[in-house]
Amino acid sequence: MFNIINNLSFKGIIDPHVHAGHWYHEGAPGHYYGKEFTDGFKRPFNNLNGQPESDTFVNTGKIDKMIISDIDTMADDFYLGEYEGNENALKIFGDDDFYALLAVCRPDKTNGDISDIKKLFKAYPERFLGLKLHPEAMNMYADDYRCDPYMEFARENRLPCMFHSEGEGVSGVESIYNLAKRFPDVPVILAHMGAGGADCHNRAISVFERALQNNDADIYVDLSWVDWENGLPSYEKPSVKKVIDTALEYNALDKILFATDTPLGCFGEHTENGYMSQEAYKLSVDTLASFIERNYPDNCEEIKNKIFHDNAAKLFNIG
């Protein structure tokens, strides 16, 4: 049984890994996830069923900001180019302070020409907080030299870069690490901390630790889909514990980010064991917060605040 926390005792949540656009599953026509869907996550978690908000629940257990990456710019069927695709997402979400955006990059399409990304950031300065690359969607290894101009742009503009990561293959953590070492002053986020289960997470943690040991890359991890079973977040979290312990050893706790990959999986794509989207999100938050409280009782408040909120605020320069 999950130990659900009703009143979470930390600042709030910044979720840096959220999507919008047309989602296809196993080649079948899917669903369009737009602002109307993600707006449903604005309510504090104790108010999911419409009950009055508690005075003791102010600014705790709620999402302060979601950072959007456009699915359509990642995929081929709705691809409009790096400028128009990202601009369309900005027009949908950019006027609402609840949202921020990452600019989705397609070096496979541009052959490394960053003209549209430069044009985008010139037209909309400070509206995009970083870059997002999905090697699996591009079918292109992360350390392909076509990615280098994007990393150089990120370096010049002090932008973090988020990469979809897996244990091996084109999105393999070693390939991403190889690229990150060519640009050691660019923050590189291993989204999903090497998706694919415990072995893949261990590979990502190995990269994370080696980067800290060697000081040869600025590697971050996000915890979306880490330590899940049967479609829901697990109560025990061995991979999360391993990466937190590693971060504590190297004084690098600021390099771990809570994230979800909303609206995919139980956060919108389908229900799981009766949990609706917002309830599944709450479960993801609750199980992680509870895990931290059980395993790090002496500094749990610091760890929760950093992972759920402060690390992302600092990395993406969110005031």
C-alpha atoms as a PDB file:
ATOM      1  CA  MET A   1       0.000   0.000   0.000  1.00  0.00           C
ATOM      2  CA  PHE A   2       1.144   3.530  -0.736  1.00  0.00           C
ATOM      3  CA  ASN A   3       1.563   5.883   2.191  1.00  0.00           C
ATOM      4  CA  ILE A   4      -0.192   8.931   0.797  1.00  0.00           C
ATOM      5  CA  ILE A   5       0.796  12.269   2.320  1.00  0.00           C
ATOM      6  CA  ASN A   6      -2.106  14.686   2.455  1.00  0.00           C
ATOM      7  CA  ASN A   7      -0.246  17.854   3.435  1.00  0.00           C
ATOM      8  CA  LEU A   8       3.209  18.041   1.868  1.00  0.00           C
ATOM      9  CA  SER A   9       5.618  20.258   3.752  1.00  0.00           C
ATOM     10  CA  PHE A  10       7.778  21.821   1.078  1.00  0.00           C
ATOM     11  CA  LYS A  11       7.725  24.989  -0.986  1.00  0.00           C
ATOM     12  CA  GLY A  12       6.065  23.734  -4.135  1.00  0.00           C
ATOM     13  CA  ILE A  13       6.922  22.013  -7.388  1.00  0.00           C
ATOM     14  CA  ILE A  14       8.668  23.033 -10.577  1.00  0.00           C
ATOM     15  CA  ASP A  15       8.261  20.251 -13.135  1.00  0.00           C
ATOM     16  CA  PRO A  16      10.821  20.687 -15.950  1.00  0.00           C
ATOM     17  CA  HIS A  17       9.665  17.727 -18.043  1.00  0.00           C
ATOM     18  CA  VAL A  18       6.150  18.270 -19.401  1.00  0.00           C
ATOM     19  CA  HIS A  19       4.899  17.947 -22.972  1.00  0.00           C
ATOM     20  CA  ALA A  20       2.207  19.308 -25.250  1.00  0.00           C
ATOM     21  CA  GLY A  21       1.184  18.314 -28.752  1.00  0.00           C
ATOM     22  CA  HIS A  22       0.006  15.249 -30.642  1.00  0.00           C
ATOM     23  CA  TRP A  23       1.006  11.992 -28.995  1.00  0.00           C
ATOM     24  CA  TYR A  24       1.089   8.718 -30.907  1.00  0.00           C
ATOM     25  CA  HIS A  25       1.387   5.361 -29.187  1.00  0.00           C
ATOM     26  CA  GLU A  26       2.785   2.373 -31.081  1.00  0.00           C
ATOM     27  CA  GLY A  27       2.024   4.013 -34.420  1.00  0.00           C
ATOM     28  CA  ALA A  28      -1.680   4.494 -33.765  1.00  0.00           C
ATOM     29  CA  PRO A  29      -3.329   7.930 -34.013  1.00  0.00           C
ATOM     30  CA  GLY A  30      -3.247   9.473 -30.604  1.00  0.00           C
ATOM     31  CA  HIS A  31      -4.478  12.507 -28.759  1.00  0.00           C
ATOM     32  CA  TYR A  32      -3.685  16.205 -28.752  1.00  0.00           C
ATOM     33  CA  TYR A  33      -2.588  17.489 -25.359  1.00  0.00           C
ATOM     34  CA  GLY A  34      -2.899  21.251 -25.130  1.00  0.00           C
ATOM     35  CA  LYS A  35      -3.204  23.949 -22.515  1.00  0.00           C
ATOM     36  CA  GLU A  36      -6.686  22.884 -21.468  1.00  0.00           C
ATOM     37  CA  PHE A  37      -5.228  19.575 -20.322  1.00  0.00           C
ATOM     38  CA  THR A  38      -2.243  20.877 -18.365  1.00  0.00           C
ATOM     39  CA  ASP A  39      -4.341  23.665 -16.820  1.00  0.00           C
ATOM     40  CA  GLY A  40      -5.989  20.875 -14.845  1.00  0.00           C
ATOM     41  CA  PHE A  41      -2.799  20.537 -12.774  1.00  0.00           C
ATOM     42  CA  LYS A  42      -2.928  24.076 -11.395  1.00  0.00           C
ATOM     43  CA  ARG A  43      -5.057  23.248  -8.367  1.00  0.00           C
ATOM     44  CA  PRO A  44      -3.383  22.342  -5.066  1.00  0.00           C
ATOM     45  CA  PHE A  45      -3.432  18.589  -4.535  1.00  0.00           C
ATOM     46  CA  ASN A  46      -5.771  18.712  -1.557  1.00  0.00           C
ATOM     47  CA  ASN A  47      -8.352  20.375  -3.793  1.00  0.00           C
ATOM     48  CA  LEU A  48      -8.530  17.733  -6.524  1.00  0.00           C
ATOM     49  CA  ASN A  49     -12.136  16.929  -5.741  1.00  0.00           C
ATOM     50  CA  GLY A  50     -13.278  20.508  -5.288  1.00  0.00           C
ATOM     51  CA  GLN A  51     -13.095  20.744  -1.505  1.00  0.00           C
ATOM     52  CA  PRO A  52     -12.082  24.114   0.008  1.00  0.00           C
ATOM     53  CA  GLU A  53      -8.372  24.758   0.268  1.00  0.00           C
ATOM     54  CA  SER A  54      -6.859  24.335   3.722  1.00  0.00           C
ATOM     55  CA  ASP A  55      -5.211  27.339   5.391  1.00  0.00           C
ATOM     56  CA  THR A  56      -2.326  25.050   6.315  1.00  0.00           C
ATOM     57  CA  PHE A  57      -1.795  24.039   2.675  1.00  0.00           C
ATOM     58  CA  VAL A  58      -0.741  27.373   1.242  1.00  0.00           C
ATOM     59  CA  ASN A  59       2.158  26.972  -1.232  1.00  0.00           C
ATOM     60  CA  THR A  60       2.778  23.348  -0.265  1.00  0.00           C
ATOM     61  CA  GLY A  61       2.089  20.319  -2.401  1.00  0.00           C
ATOM     62  CA  LYS A  62       1.170  22.366  -5.443  1.00  0.00           C
ATOM     63  CA  ILE A  63       2.773  22.862  -8.833  1.00  0.00           C
ATOM     64  CA  ASP A  64       4.242  26.333  -9.249  1.00  0.00           C
ATOM     65  CA  LYS A  65       5.457  25.896 -12.820  1.00  0.00           C
ATOM     66  CA  MET A  66       5.473  23.379 -15.643  1.00  0.00           C
ATOM     67  CA  ILE A  67       8.174  23.597 -18.322  1.00  0.00           C
ATOM     68  CA  ILE A  68       6.806  22.524 -21.699  1.00  0.00           C
ATOM     69  CA  SER A  69       8.568  20.778 -24.595  1.00  0.00           C
ATOM     70  CA  ASP A  70       6.590  20.574 -27.837  1.00  0.00           C
ATOM     71  CA  ILE A  71       5.978  16.976 -28.971  1.00  0.00           C
ATOM     72  CA  ASP A  72       5.080  18.043 -32.517  1.00  0.00           C
ATOM     73  CA  THR A  73       8.535  19.522 -33.093  1.00  0.00           C
ATOM     74  CA  MET A  74      10.085  16.260 -31.880  1.00  0.00           C
ATOM     75  CA  ALA A  75       8.052  14.103 -34.239  1.00  0.00           C
ATOM     76  CA  ASP A  76       7.876  13.993 -38.051  1.00  0.00           C
ATOM     77  CA  ASP A  77       4.135  13.953 -38.732  1.00  0.00           C
ATOM     78  CA  PHE A  78       3.507  17.464 -37.372  1.00  0.00           C
ATOM     79  CA  TYR A  79       6.994  18.915 -37.759  1.00  0.00           C
ATOM     80  CA  LEU A  80       6.918  22.566 -38.901  1.00  0.00           C
ATOM     81  CA  GLY A  81      10.549  23.438 -38.320  1.00  0.00           C
ATOM     82  CA  GLU A  82      12.386  24.577 -35.231  1.00  0.00           C
ATOM     83  CA  TYR A  83      11.198  28.161 -35.492  1.00  0.00           C
ATOM     84  CA  GLU A  84       7.519  27.751 -36.330  1.00  0.00           C
ATOM     85  CA  GLY A  85       6.986  24.671 -34.162  1.00  0.00           C
ATOM     86  CA  ASN A  86       8.460  26.219 -31.030  1.00  0.00           C
ATOM     87  CA  GLU A  87       6.806  29.540 -31.780  1.00  0.00           C
ATOM     88  CA  ASN A  88       3.406  27.831 -31.956  1.00  0.00           C
ATOM     89  CA  ALA A  89       3.988  26.318 -28.508  1.00  0.00           C
ATOM     90  CA  LEU A  90       4.991  29.726 -27.167  1.00  0.00           C
ATOM     91  CA  LYS A  91       1.805  31.293 -28.534  1.00  0.00           C
ATOM     92  CA  ILE A  92      -0.262  28.668 -26.703  1.00  0.00           C
ATOM     93  CA  PHE A  93       1.528  28.694 -23.344  1.00  0.00           C
ATOM     94  CA  GLY A  94       3.701  31.799 -23.226  1.00  0.00           C
ATOM     95  CA  ASP A  95       1.212  34.277 -21.764  1.00  0.00           C
ATOM     96  CA  ASP A  96       0.564  32.161 -18.663  1.00  0.00           C
ATOM     97  CA  ASP A  97       3.109  32.397 -15.826  1.00  0.00           C
ATOM     98  CA  PHE A  98       2.301  28.821 -14.832  1.00  0.00           C
ATOM     99  CA  TYR A  99       4.278  27.695 -17.896  1.00  0.00           C
ATOM    100  CA  ALA A 100       7.757  28.083 -19.309  1.00  0.00           C
ATOM    101  CA  LEU A 101       9.213  26.442 -22.394  1.00  0.00           C
ATOM    102  CA  LEU A 102      12.225  24.568 -23.699  1.00  0.00           C
ATOM    103  CA  ALA A 103      13.073  25.006 -27.366  1.00  0.00           C
ATOM    104  CA  VAL A 104      12.939  21.617 -29.093  1.00  0.00           C
ATOM    105  CA  CYS A 105      15.910  21.096 -31.410  1.00  0.00           C
ATOM    106  CA  ARG A 106      16.164  18.824 -34.454  1.00  0.00           C
ATOM    107  CA  PRO A 107      19.796  18.593 -35.601  1.00  0.00           C
ATOM    108  CA  ASP A 108      18.818  15.561 -37.677  1.00  0.00           C
ATOM    109  CA  LYS A 109      16.581  17.823 -39.776  1.00  0.00           C
ATOM    110  CA  THR A 110      18.839  20.880 -39.858  1.00  0.00           C
ATOM    111  CA  ASN A 111      22.146  19.017 -40.231  1.00  0.00           C
ATOM    112  CA  GLY A 112      23.457  21.196 -37.419  1.00  0.00           C
ATOM    113  CA  ASP A 113      22.289  24.535 -38.866  1.00  0.00           C
ATOM    114  CA  ILE A 114      21.055  26.546 -35.882  1.00  0.00           C
ATOM    115  CA  SER A 115      19.726  29.510 -37.891  1.00  0.00           C
ATOM    116  CA  ASP A 116      16.124  28.916 -36.806  1.00  0.00           C
ATOM    117  CA  ILE A 117      17.094  28.500 -33.150  1.00  0.00           C
ATOM    118  CA  LYS A 118      19.057  31.765 -33.281  1.00  0.00           C
ATOM    119  CA  LYS A 119      16.086  33.451 -34.960  1.00  0.00           C
ATOM    120  CA  LEU A 120      13.726  32.061 -32.305  1.00  0.00           C
ATOM    121  CA  PHE A 121      15.783  33.331 -29.378  1.00  0.00           C
ATOM    122  CA  LYS A 122      16.291  36.713 -31.060  1.00  0.00           C
ATOM    123  CA  ALA A 123      12.554  37.100 -31.678  1.00  0.00           C
ATOM    124  CA  TYR A 124      11.594  35.897 -28.196  1.00  0.00           C
ATOM    125  CA  PRO A 125      14.440  36.713 -25.815  1.00  0.00           C
ATOM    126  CA  GLU A 126      14.202  35.069 -22.385  1.00  0.00           C
ATOM    127  CA  ARG A 127      11.010  33.199 -23.321  1.00  0.00           C
ATOM    128  CA  PHE A 128      12.732  29.806 -23.680  1.00  0.00           C
ATOM    129  CA  LEU A 129      14.650  28.552 -20.652  1.00  0.00           C
ATOM    130  CA  GLY A 130      16.753  25.889 -22.361  1.00  0.00           C
ATOM    131  CA  LEU A 131      17.012  23.377 -25.190  1.00  0.00           C
ATOM    132  CA  LYS A 132      15.441  19.931 -25.505  1.00  0.00           C
ATOM    133  CA  LEU A 133      16.822  17.132 -27.693  1.00  0.00           C
ATOM    134  CA  HIS A 134      15.342  13.651 -28.131  1.00  0.00           C
ATOM    135  CA  PRO A 135      17.936  11.356 -29.760  1.00  0.00           C
ATOM    136  CA  GLU A 136      15.490   8.441 -29.950  1.00  0.00           C
ATOM    137  CA  ALA A 137      12.903  10.493 -31.842  1.00  0.00           C
ATOM    138  CA  MET A 138      15.628  11.734 -34.186  1.00  0.00           C
ATOM    139  CA  ASN A 139      17.218   8.277 -34.545  1.00  0.00           C
ATOM    140  CA  MET A 140      20.541  10.020 -34.094  1.00  0.00           C
ATOM    141  CA  TYR A 141      23.171   9.388 -31.442  1.00  0.00           C
ATOM    142  CA  ALA A 142      23.481  12.204 -28.946  1.00  0.00           C
ATOM    143  CA  ASP A 143      27.218  12.593 -29.553  1.00  0.00           C
ATOM    144  CA  ASP A 144      26.721  13.113 -33.290  1.00  0.00           C
ATOM    145  CA  TYR A 145      28.622  16.253 -34.231  1.00  0.00           C
ATOM    146  CA  ARG A 146      25.443  17.784 -35.659  1.00  0.00           C
ATOM    147  CA  CYS A 147      24.513  18.444 -32.016  1.00  0.00           C
ATOM    148  CA  ASP A 148      27.625  20.522 -31.385  1.00  0.00           C
ATOM    149  CA  PRO A 149      26.317  23.847 -32.776  1.00  0.00           C
ATOM    150  CA  TYR A 150      23.317  23.577 -30.439  1.00  0.00           C
ATOM    151  CA  MET A 151      25.575  22.909 -27.479  1.00  0.00           C
ATOM    152  CA  GLU A 152      27.770  25.857 -28.446  1.00  0.00           C
ATOM    153  CA  PHE A 153      24.654  28.048 -28.635  1.00  0.00           C
ATOM    154  CA  ALA A 154      23.660  26.795 -25.184  1.00  0.00           C
ATOM    155  CA  ARG A 155      27.138  27.576 -23.864  1.00  0.00           C
ATOM    156  CA  GLU A 156      27.108  31.104 -25.268  1.00  0.00           C
ATOM    157  CA  ASN A 157      23.646  31.800 -23.869  1.00  0.00           C
ATOM    158  CA  ARG A 158      24.030  29.917 -20.572  1.00  0.00           C
ATOM    159  CA  LEU A 159      21.197  27.508 -21.299  1.00  0.00           C
ATOM    160  CA  PRO A 160      20.685  24.014 -19.874  1.00  0.00           C
ATOM    161  CA  CYS A 161      20.092  21.182 -22.339  1.00  0.00           C
ATOM    162  CA  MET A 162      17.698  18.331 -21.589  1.00  0.00           C
ATOM    163  CA  PHE A 163      18.213  15.009 -23.377  1.00  0.00           C
ATOM    164  CA  HIS A 164      15.855  12.066 -23.433  1.00  0.00           C
ATOM    165  CA  SER A 165      18.111   9.332 -22.057  1.00  0.00           C
ATOM    166  CA  GLU A 166      18.098   5.557 -21.974  1.00  0.00           C
ATOM    167  CA  GLY A 167      20.547   2.922 -20.834  1.00  0.00           C
ATOM    168  CA  GLU A 168      21.968   2.334 -24.301  1.00  0.00           C
ATOM    169  CA  GLY A 169      21.308   3.011 -27.981  1.00  0.00           C
ATOM    170  CA  VAL A 170      21.030   6.403 -29.653  1.00  0.00           C
ATOM    171  CA  SER A 171      19.761   7.920 -26.402  1.00  0.00           C
ATOM    172  CA  GLY A 172      22.285   6.007 -24.316  1.00  0.00           C
ATOM    173  CA  VAL A 173      23.741   7.817 -21.332  1.00  0.00           C
ATOM    174  CA  GLU A 174      27.309   7.171 -22.498  1.00  0.00           C
ATOM    175  CA  SER A 175      26.619   8.899 -25.800  1.00  0.00           C
ATOM    176  CA  ILE A 176      25.125  11.898 -24.002  1.00  0.00           C
ATOM    177  CA  TYR A 177      28.107  11.941 -21.636  1.00  0.00           C
ATOM    178  CA  ASN A 178      30.490  11.969 -24.610  1.00  0.00           C
ATOM    179  CA  LEU A 179      28.726  15.050 -25.952  1.00  0.00           C
ATOM    180  CA  ALA A 180      28.598  16.736 -22.542  1.00  0.00           C
ATOM    181  CA  LYS A 181      32.365  16.289 -22.128  1.00  0.00           C
ATOM    182  CA  ARG A 182      32.910  18.315 -25.309  1.00  0.00           C
ATOM    183  CA  PHE A 183      31.008  21.186 -23.624  1.00  0.00           C
ATOM    184  CA  PRO A 184      31.800  20.805 -19.919  1.00  0.00           C
ATOM    185  CA  ASP A 185      30.285  24.154 -18.935  1.00  0.00           C
ATOM    186  CA  VAL A 186      26.847  23.362 -20.422  1.00  0.00           C
ATOM    187  CA  PRO A 187      24.373  21.834 -17.932  1.00  0.00           C
ATOM    188  CA  VAL A 188      23.131  18.545 -19.458  1.00  0.00           C
ATOM    189  CA  ILE A 189      20.065  16.842 -17.989  1.00  0.00           C
ATOM    190  CA  LEU A 190      19.681  13.069 -18.320  1.00  0.00           C
ATOM    191  CA  ALA A 191      15.884  12.967 -18.534  1.00  0.00           C
ATOM    192  CA  HIS A 192      14.456   9.762 -17.008  1.00  0.00           C
ATOM    193  CA  MET A 193      17.932   9.082 -15.532  1.00  0.00           C
ATOM    194  CA  GLY A 194      18.458   6.461 -18.220  1.00  0.00           C
ATOM    195  CA  ALA A 195      14.971   5.098 -18.919  1.00  0.00           C
ATOM    196  CA  GLY A 196      14.506   1.341 -18.964  1.00  0.00           C
ATOM    197  CA  GLY A 197      14.695  -0.049 -15.440  1.00  0.00           C
ATOM    198  CA  ALA A 198      17.238  -0.500 -12.674  1.00  0.00           C
ATOM    199  CA  ASP A 199      20.179  -1.489 -14.881  1.00  0.00           C
ATOM    200  CA  CYS A 200      19.664   1.547 -17.102  1.00  0.00           C
ATOM    201  CA  HIS A 201      19.329   3.825 -14.076  1.00  0.00           C
ATOM    202  CA  ASN A 202      22.567   2.406 -12.693  1.00  0.00           C
ATOM    203  CA  ARG A 203      24.316   3.281 -15.951  1.00  0.00           C
ATOM    204  CA  ALA A 204      23.044   6.830 -15.676  1.00  0.00           C
ATOM    205  CA  ILE A 205      24.168   7.064 -12.049  1.00  0.00           C
ATOM    206  CA  SER A 206      27.598   5.815 -13.116  1.00  0.00           C
ATOM    207  CA  VAL A 207      27.814   8.644 -15.685  1.00  0.00           C
ATOM    208  CA  PHE A 208      26.585  11.108 -13.053  1.00  0.00           C
ATOM    209  CA  GLU A 209      29.254   9.971 -10.585  1.00  0.00           C
ATOM    210  CA  ARG A 210      32.083   9.906 -13.131  1.00  0.00           C
ATOM    211  CA  ALA A 211      31.266  13.445 -14.201  1.00  0.00           C
ATOM    212  CA  LEU A 212      31.483  14.525 -10.559  1.00  0.00           C
ATOM    213  CA  GLN A 213      34.701  12.596  -9.956  1.00  0.00           C
ATOM    214  CA  ASN A 214      36.439  13.832 -13.102  1.00  0.00           C
ATOM    215  CA  ASN A 215      34.859  17.280 -13.249  1.00  0.00           C
ATOM    216  CA  ASP A 216      34.603  16.813 -17.021  1.00  0.00           C
ATOM    217  CA  ALA A 217      30.877  17.437 -17.621  1.00  0.00           C
ATOM    218  CA  ASP A 218      27.990  19.214 -15.891  1.00  0.00           C
ATOM    219  CA  ILE A 219      25.494  16.349 -15.591  1.00  0.00           C
ATOM    220  CA  TYR A 220      22.049  16.564 -13.996  1.00  0.00           C
ATOM    221  CA  VAL A 221      19.372  13.875 -13.717  1.00  0.00           C
ATOM    222  CA  ASP A 222      15.598  14.073 -13.678  1.00  0.00           C
ATOM    223  CA  LEU A 223      13.557  11.423 -11.872  1.00  0.00           C
ATOM    224  CA  SER A 224      10.701  10.895 -14.328  1.00  0.00           C
ATOM    225  CA  TRP A 225       9.903   7.169 -14.624  1.00  0.00           C
ATOM    226  CA  VAL A 226      12.586   6.215 -12.096  1.00  0.00           C
ATOM    227  CA  ASP A 227      11.611   3.334  -9.786  1.00  0.00           C
ATOM    228  CA  TRP A 228       8.169   2.517 -11.140  1.00  0.00           C
ATOM    229  CA  GLU A 229       6.277  -0.764 -11.211  1.00  0.00           C
ATOM    230  CA  ASN A 230       2.950  -1.766 -12.735  1.00  0.00           C
ATOM    231  CA  GLY A 231       2.547   1.666 -14.298  1.00  0.00           C
ATOM    232  CA  LEU A 232       2.767   3.614 -11.030  1.00  0.00           C
ATOM    233  CA  PRO A 233       5.559   5.046  -8.863  1.00  0.00           C
ATOM    234  CA  SER A 234       6.919   2.508  -6.410  1.00  0.00           C
ATOM    235  CA  TYR A 235       6.943   2.909  -2.641  1.00  0.00           C
ATOM    236  CA  GLU A 236      10.580   1.837  -2.334  1.00  0.00           C
ATOM    237  CA  LYS A 237      13.019   3.668  -4.605  1.00  0.00           C
ATOM    238  CA  PRO A 238      16.455   2.004  -4.762  1.00  0.00           C
ATOM    239  CA  SER A 239      17.648   3.969  -7.787  1.00  0.00           C
ATOM    240  CA  VAL A 240      16.520   7.266  -6.266  1.00  0.00           C
ATOM    241  CA  LYS A 241      18.342   6.383  -3.050  1.00  0.00           C
ATOM    242  CA  LYS A 242      21.505   5.532  -4.958  1.00  0.00           C
ATOM    243  CA  VAL A 243      21.561   8.825  -6.864  1.00  0.00           C
ATOM    244  CA  ILE A 244      20.750  10.898  -3.759  1.00  0.00           C
ATOM    245  CA  ASP A 245      23.501   9.117  -1.806  1.00  0.00           C
ATOM    246  CA  THR A 246      25.915   9.752  -4.670  1.00  0.00           C
ATOM    247  CA  ALA A 247      24.943  13.423  -4.807  1.00  0.00           C
ATOM    248  CA  LEU A 248      25.368  13.805  -1.051  1.00  0.00           C
ATOM    249  CA  GLU A 249      28.812  12.198  -1.218  1.00  0.00           C
ATOM    250  CA  TYR A 250      29.978  14.758  -3.796  1.00  0.00           C
ATOM    251  CA  ASN A 251      28.031  17.735  -2.432  1.00  0.00           C
ATOM    252  CA  ALA A 252      25.960  17.753  -5.615  1.00  0.00           C
ATOM    253  CA  LEU A 253      22.397  17.554  -4.364  1.00  0.00           C
ATOM    254  CA  ASP A 254      21.526  20.518  -6.589  1.00  0.00           C
ATOM    255  CA  LYS A 255      21.838  18.268  -9.677  1.00  0.00           C
ATOM    256  CA  ILE A 256      18.693  16.149  -9.055  1.00  0.00           C
ATOM    257  CA  LEU A 257      15.317  17.270 -10.426  1.00  0.00           C
ATOM    258  CA  PHE A 258      11.818  15.990  -9.837  1.00  0.00           C
ATOM    259  CA  ALA A 259       9.983  15.497 -13.147  1.00  0.00           C
ATOM    260  CA  THR A 260       7.085  13.485 -14.543  1.00  0.00           C
ATOM    261  CA  ASP A 261       6.861  13.436 -18.369  1.00  0.00           C
ATOM    262  CA  THR A 262       3.230  14.585 -18.110  1.00  0.00           C
ATOM    263  CA  PRO A 263       0.916  13.876 -19.981  1.00  0.00           C
ATOM    264  CA  LEU A 264       2.394  10.484 -20.896  1.00  0.00           C
ATOM    265  CA  GLY A 265       1.562   7.289 -19.060  1.00  0.00           C
ATOM    266  CA  CYS A 266      -0.781   7.601 -16.111  1.00  0.00           C
ATOM    267  CA  PHE A 267      -0.453  11.396 -16.149  1.00  0.00           C
ATOM    268  CA  GLY A 268      -2.879  11.682 -19.051  1.00  0.00           C
ATOM    269  CA  GLU A 269      -2.346   8.959 -21.628  1.00  0.00           C
ATOM    270  CA  HIS A 270      -4.360   6.390 -19.674  1.00  0.00           C
ATOM    271  CA  THR A 271      -5.602   5.607 -16.186  1.00  0.00           C
ATOM    272  CA  GLU A 272      -3.742   3.122 -14.001  1.00  0.00           C
ATOM    273  CA  ASN A 273      -5.440   1.210 -11.176  1.00  0.00           C
ATOM    274  CA  GLY A 274      -8.209   3.798 -11.122  1.00  0.00           C
ATOM    275  CA  TYR A 275      -5.954   6.832 -10.650  1.00  0.00           C
ATOM    276  CA  MET A 276      -6.922   9.792 -12.802  1.00  0.00           C
ATOM    277  CA  SER A 277      -4.226  12.098 -14.180  1.00  0.00           C
ATOM    278  CA  GLN A 278      -3.953  14.552 -11.290  1.00  0.00           C
ATOM    279  CA  GLU A 279      -4.295  11.759  -8.738  1.00  0.00           C
ATOM    280  CA  ALA A 280      -1.438   9.867 -10.382  1.00  0.00           C
ATOM    281  CA  TYR A 281       0.649  13.036 -10.306  1.00  0.00           C
ATOM    282  CA  LYS A 282      -0.080  13.442  -6.609  1.00  0.00           C
ATOM    283  CA  LEU A 283       0.911   9.824  -6.058  1.00  0.00           C
ATOM    284  CA  SER A 284       4.235  10.461  -7.790  1.00  0.00           C
ATOM    285  CA  VAL A 285       4.879  13.436  -5.517  1.00  0.00           C
ATOM    286  CA  ASP A 286       3.692  11.680  -2.366  1.00  0.00           C
ATOM    287  CA  THR A 287       5.747   8.530  -2.813  1.00  0.00           C
ATOM    288  CA  LEU A 288       8.940  10.495  -3.476  1.00  0.00           C
ATOM    289  CA  ALA A 289       8.382  12.887  -0.571  1.00  0.00           C
ATOM    290  CA  SER A 290       7.548  10.003   1.759  1.00  0.00           C
ATOM    291  CA  PHE A 291      10.621   8.086   0.605  1.00  0.00           C
ATOM    292  CA  ILE A 292      12.858  11.071   1.363  1.00  0.00           C
ATOM    293  CA  GLU A 293      11.309  11.531   4.800  1.00  0.00           C
ATOM    294  CA  ARG A 294      11.832   7.866   5.694  1.00  0.00           C
ATOM    295  CA  ASN A 295      15.396   7.597   4.428  1.00  0.00           C
ATOM    296  CA  TYR A 296      16.825  11.042   5.231  1.00  0.00           C
ATOM    297  CA  PRO A 297      15.034  12.161   8.411  1.00  0.00           C
ATOM    298  CA  ASP A 298      17.776  14.571   9.506  1.00  0.00           C
ATOM    299  CA  ASN A 299      17.763  16.678   6.341  1.00  0.00           C
ATOM    300  CA  CYS A 300      14.569  15.639   4.561  1.00  0.00           C
ATOM    301  CA  GLU A 301      13.193  19.181   4.300  1.00  0.00           C
ATOM    302  CA  GLU A 302      16.336  20.427   2.571  1.00  0.00           C
ATOM    303  CA  ILE A 303      16.339  17.467   0.160  1.00  0.00           C
ATOM    304  CA  LYS A 304      12.636  17.810  -0.673  1.00  0.00           C
ATOM    305  CA  ASN A 305      12.864  21.544  -1.276  1.00  0.00           C
ATOM    306  CA  LYS A 306      15.893  21.130  -3.514  1.00  0.00           C
ATOM    307  CA  ILE A 307      14.606  18.220  -5.611  1.00  0.00           C
ATOM    308  CA  PHE A 308      11.033  19.415  -6.010  1.00  0.00           C
ATOM    309  CA  HIS A 309      11.667  23.130  -6.407  1.00  0.00           C
ATOM    310  CA  ASP A 310      14.955  24.894  -5.733  1.00  0.00           C
ATOM    311  CA  ASN A 311      17.251  22.964  -8.081  1.00  0.00           C
ATOM    312  CA  ALA A 312      15.037  23.626 -11.085  1.00  0.00           C
ATOM    313  CA  ALA A 313      14.538  27.264 -10.045  1.00  0.00           C
ATOM    314  CA  LYS A 314      18.312  27.771  -9.943  1.00  0.00           C
ATOM    315  CA  LEU A 315      19.101  25.784 -13.109  1.00  0.00           C
ATOM    316  CA  PHE A 316      16.451  27.490 -15.246  1.00  0.00           C
ATOM    317  CA  ASN A 317      16.837  30.884 -13.562  1.00  0.00           C
ATOM    318  CA  ILE A 318      13.234  30.994 -12.389  1.00  0.00           C
ATOM    319  CA  GLY A 319      12.633  33.833  -9.961  1.00  0.00           C
END
